Amino acid sequence: MIKFEIDSSSEGIEIYLDGIGVNELISYLDFIKRKQEHMHLVVGAELTESANPNSNITVKHVKLIYIE
């Protein structure tokens, strides 16, 4: 599970990961580093969308960008 949320102050991001999600995120970061590329993470594919028990807002799209 990988989930990004905008926090209730709208000034921060909270990232929720389980063990598999940690490994997946590491592999995505390794991929963009090796390829000097970018990658889109979207709800329903790489990102999980689940009910928020708090007042946070689910981020539906994250773009990881490699820069030198």
C-alpha atoms as a PDB file:
ATOM      1  CA  MET A   1       0.000   0.000   0.000  1.00  0.00           C
ATOM      2  CA  ILE A   2       1.196   3.453  -0.954  1.00  0.00           C
ATOM      3  CA  LYS A   3      -1.015   6.392  -0.105  1.00  0.00           C
ATOM      4  CA  PHE A   4      -0.330  10.133  -0.226  1.00  0.00           C
ATOM      5  CA  GLU A   5      -2.575  12.608   1.597  1.00  0.00           C
ATOM      6  CA  ILE A   6      -2.623  16.367   1.912  1.00  0.00           C
ATOM      7  CA  ASP A   7      -2.789  17.052   5.646  1.00  0.00           C
ATOM      8  CA  SER A   8      -5.567  19.007   7.341  1.00  0.00           C
ATOM      9  CA  SER A   9      -3.499  22.233   7.303  1.00  0.00           C
ATOM     10  CA  SER A  10      -3.103  21.895   3.495  1.00  0.00           C
ATOM     11  CA  GLU A  11       0.589  22.634   4.013  1.00  0.00           C
ATOM     12  CA  GLY A  12       2.006  19.145   4.278  1.00  0.00           C
ATOM     13  CA  ILE A  13       1.891  15.695   2.757  1.00  0.00           C
ATOM     14  CA  GLU A  14       1.492  12.485   4.735  1.00  0.00           C
ATOM     15  CA  ILE A  15       2.771   9.274   3.132  1.00  0.00           C
ATOM     16  CA  TYR A  16       1.351   5.943   4.300  1.00  0.00           C
ATOM     17  CA  LEU A  17       3.272   2.767   3.418  1.00  0.00           C
ATOM     18  CA  ASP A  18       3.051  -0.860   4.406  1.00  0.00           C
ATOM     19  CA  GLY A  19       5.989  -3.268   3.937  1.00  0.00           C
ATOM     20  CA  ILE A  20       5.123  -3.988   0.308  1.00  0.00           C
ATOM     21  CA  GLY A  21       4.561  -0.287  -0.356  1.00  0.00           C
ATOM     22  CA  VAL A  22       8.011   0.580   0.999  1.00  0.00           C
ATOM     23  CA  ASN A  23       9.587  -1.932  -1.385  1.00  0.00           C
ATOM     24  CA  GLU A  24       7.497  -0.667  -4.315  1.00  0.00           C
ATOM     25  CA  LEU A  25       8.389   2.979  -3.635  1.00  0.00           C
ATOM     26  CA  ILE A  26      12.082   2.080  -3.415  1.00  0.00           C
ATOM     27  CA  SER A  27      11.836   0.278  -6.774  1.00  0.00           C
ATOM     28  CA  TYR A  28      10.089   3.298  -8.366  1.00  0.00           C
ATOM     29  CA  LEU A  29      12.802   5.632  -7.050  1.00  0.00           C
ATOM     30  CA  ASP A  30      15.533   3.272  -8.229  1.00  0.00           C
ATOM     31  CA  PHE A  31      13.901   3.117 -11.678  1.00  0.00           C
ATOM     32  CA  ILE A  32      13.797   6.900 -12.155  1.00  0.00           C
ATOM     33  CA  LYS A  33      17.393   7.169 -10.942  1.00  0.00           C
ATOM     34  CA  ARG A  34      18.708   4.447 -13.289  1.00  0.00           C
ATOM     35  CA  LYS A  35      16.761   5.739 -16.292  1.00  0.00           C
ATOM     36  CA  GLN A  36      17.127   9.445 -15.398  1.00  0.00           C
ATOM     37  CA  GLU A  37      13.406   9.587 -16.042  1.00  0.00           C
ATOM     38  CA  HIS A  38      10.124  10.419 -14.340  1.00  0.00           C
ATOM     39  CA  MET A  39       7.212   8.248 -13.278  1.00  0.00           C
ATOM     40  CA  HIS A  40       3.532   8.819 -12.578  1.00  0.00           C
ATOM     41  CA  LEU A  41       1.866   7.094  -9.638  1.00  0.00           C
ATOM     42  CA  VAL A  42      -1.930   7.040  -9.869  1.00  0.00           C
ATOM     43  CA  VAL A  43      -4.792   5.917  -7.662  1.00  0.00           C
ATOM     44  CA  GLY A  44      -6.078   2.547  -8.792  1.00  0.00           C
ATOM     45  CA  ALA A  45      -2.683   1.520 -10.152  1.00  0.00           C
ATOM     46  CA  GLU A  46       0.341   2.274  -7.939  1.00  0.00           C
ATOM     47  CA  LEU A  47      -1.522   4.271  -5.272  1.00  0.00           C
ATOM     48  CA  THR A  48      -4.184   3.067  -2.864  1.00  0.00           C
ATOM     49  CA  GLU A  49      -7.411   4.981  -2.349  1.00  0.00           C
ATOM     50  CA  SER A  50      -9.141   4.181   0.890  1.00  0.00           C
ATOM     51  CA  ALA A  51     -11.442   6.019   3.243  1.00  0.00           C
ATOM     52  CA  ASN A  52      -9.738   8.727   5.256  1.00  0.00           C
ATOM     53  CA  PRO A  53     -10.453   8.421   8.986  1.00  0.00           C
ATOM     54  CA  ASN A  54      -9.206  12.005   9.322  1.00  0.00           C
ATOM     55  CA  SER A  55      -9.834  15.251   7.461  1.00  0.00           C
ATOM     56  CA  ASN A  56      -6.939  14.715   5.042  1.00  0.00           C
ATOM     57  CA  ILE A  57      -7.419  14.776   1.267  1.00  0.00           C
ATOM     58  CA  THR A  58      -6.261  11.812  -0.828  1.00  0.00           C
ATOM     59  CA  VAL A  59      -3.707  12.705  -3.514  1.00  0.00           C
ATOM     60  CA  LYS A  60      -4.802  10.962  -6.711  1.00  0.00           C
ATOM     61  CA  HIS A  61      -1.658  11.535  -8.784  1.00  0.00           C
ATOM     62  CA  VAL A  62       2.018  11.796  -7.834  1.00  0.00           C
ATOM     63  CA  LYS A  63       4.806  12.498 -10.323  1.00  0.00           C
ATOM     64  CA  LEU A  64       8.303  11.397  -9.311  1.00  0.00           C
ATOM     65  CA  ILE A  65      10.904  13.392 -11.250  1.00  0.00           C
ATOM     66  CA  TYR A  66      14.625  12.695 -11.427  1.00  0.00           C
ATOM     67  CA  ILE A  67      16.877  15.772 -11.640  1.00  0.00           C
ATOM     68  CA  GLU A  68      20.648  15.919 -11.787  1.00  0.00           C
END
